[in-house]
Protein backbone atom coordinates (compact mmCIF):
# COMPACT_ATOMS: atom_id res chain seq x y z
CA UNK A 1 -42.70 33.65 -12.64
CA UNK A 2 -43.31 29.89 -12.70
CA UNK A 3 -41.16 27.38 -14.60
CA UNK A 4 -41.89 23.80 -15.31
CA UNK A 5 -39.35 21.48 -17.08
CA UNK A 6 -40.68 18.23 -18.06
CA UNK A 7 -38.42 15.35 -19.11
CA UNK A 8 -39.48 12.06 -20.75
CA UNK A 9 -38.39 9.33 -23.22
CA UNK A 10 -40.08 7.69 -25.98
CA UNK A 11 -38.80 5.01 -28.36
CA UNK A 12 -36.16 6.39 -30.84
CA UNK A 13 -38.60 5.53 -33.81
CA UNK A 14 -41.34 7.34 -31.96
CA UNK A 15 -39.51 10.64 -31.22
CA UNK A 16 -40.50 12.25 -34.42
CA UNK A 17 -44.20 11.78 -33.82
CA UNK A 18 -43.85 12.84 -30.25
CA UNK A 19 -42.17 16.05 -31.23
CA UNK A 20 -44.73 16.70 -33.81
CA UNK A 21 -47.50 16.27 -31.22
CA UNK A 22 -45.80 18.88 -28.93
CA UNK A 23 -44.96 21.16 -32.07
CA UNK A 24 -48.75 21.31 -32.92
CA UNK A 25 -49.52 22.11 -29.39
CA UNK A 26 -47.26 25.13 -29.25
CA UNK A 27 -49.60 27.88 -30.85
CA UNK A 28 -52.41 27.07 -28.45
CA UNK A 29 -50.27 27.10 -25.44
CA UNK A 30 -48.44 30.27 -26.28
CA UNK A 31 -51.70 31.94 -26.94
CA UNK A 32 -52.91 30.92 -23.35
CA UNK A 33 -53.08 33.84 -20.82
CA UNK A 34 -49.95 34.11 -18.61
CA UNK A 35 -47.85 31.96 -21.09
CA UNK A 36 -44.33 33.45 -21.45
CA UNK A 37 -42.62 30.53 -23.29
CA UNK A 38 -43.37 27.05 -24.35
CA UNK A 39 -40.35 25.29 -25.73
CA UNK A 40 -39.81 21.56 -27.04
CA UNK A 41 -36.43 19.97 -27.14
CA UNK A 42 -35.15 16.77 -28.59
CA UNK A 43 -31.95 15.71 -26.67
CA UNK A 44 -28.92 15.63 -29.31
CA UNK A 45 -27.26 13.05 -27.16
CA UNK A 46 -30.14 10.67 -26.52
CA UNK A 47 -32.35 9.52 -29.28
CA UNK A 48 -35.21 8.83 -26.96
CA UNK A 49 -35.38 11.81 -24.77
CA UNK A 50 -37.55 15.06 -25.27
CA UNK A 51 -37.78 17.93 -22.95
CA UNK A 52 -40.47 20.82 -22.53
CA UNK A 53 -39.75 24.04 -20.95
CA UNK A 54 -42.69 26.03 -19.69
CA UNK A 55 -42.57 29.76 -18.40
CA UNK A 56 -45.81 31.31 -17.08
CA UNK A 57 -46.55 34.43 -15.37
CA UNK A 58 -47.76 32.85 -12.24
CA UNK A 59 -48.79 29.28 -11.00
CA UNK A 60 -52.46 29.93 -11.58
CA UNK A 61 -51.69 30.31 -15.23
CA UNK A 62 -49.90 27.04 -15.46
CA UNK A 63 -52.67 25.31 -13.48
CA UNK A 64 -55.20 26.58 -16.28
CA UNK A 65 -52.99 25.24 -18.83
CA UNK A 66 -52.64 21.81 -16.88
CA UNK A 67 -56.59 21.52 -16.74
CA UNK A 68 -56.96 22.69 -20.21
CA UNK A 69 -58.49 20.51 -23.15
CA UNK A 70 -55.11 21.33 -24.87
CA UNK A 71 -53.19 19.61 -22.16
CA UNK A 72 -55.58 16.72 -21.93
CA UNK A 73 -55.48 15.97 -25.78
CA UNK A 74 -51.70 16.21 -26.00
CA UNK A 75 -51.37 13.96 -23.02
CA UNK A 76 -53.77 11.25 -24.56
CA UNK A 77 -51.66 11.23 -27.67
CA UNK A 78 -48.22 11.53 -25.99
CA UNK A 79 -48.66 8.97 -22.99
CA UNK A 80 -48.88 5.85 -25.28
CA UNK A 81 -45.55 6.85 -26.85
CA UNK A 82 -43.83 7.40 -23.42
CA UNK A 83 -41.41 4.70 -22.25
CA UNK A 84 -40.76 6.41 -18.95
CA UNK A 85 -42.89 8.45 -16.58
CA UNK A 86 -42.63 12.00 -17.11
CA UNK A 87 -40.51 14.00 -14.60
CA UNK A 88 -41.73 17.48 -14.05
CA UNK A 89 -39.67 19.81 -12.28
CA UNK A 90 -41.51 22.98 -11.09
CA UNK A 91 -39.85 26.19 -9.99
CA UNK A 92 -40.85 29.85 -8.76
CA UNK A 93 -38.52 32.39 -10.19
CA UNK A 94 -37.92 36.02 -10.14
CA UNK A 95 -36.18 37.64 -13.35
CA UNK A 96 -33.32 39.70 -12.38
CA UNK A 97 -32.83 40.95 -15.88
CA UNK A 98 -33.38 40.30 -19.58
CA UNK A 99 -30.11 40.95 -21.55
CA UNK A 100 -30.02 41.23 -25.36
């Protein structure tokens, strides 16, 4: 499993617009081969911070997403709103169990 956690900031007045761009992208990303999860979060303690959590079956699936038109399009819309360079932490992981 491949996990990417992306953190970035926008001006507080632009956060809703940035969140809407990401929410509009969700269905296309979730439909991509190998995607297990794509979640966007607005930090409740920082009106400028957003976080995206990706889960992919493997790194190849993530790389296909990162080179997709969907990724390029949302990046073109989001980058002008960003007030900091996005930081992407990337991990490989093994699921030990899923507990319900």
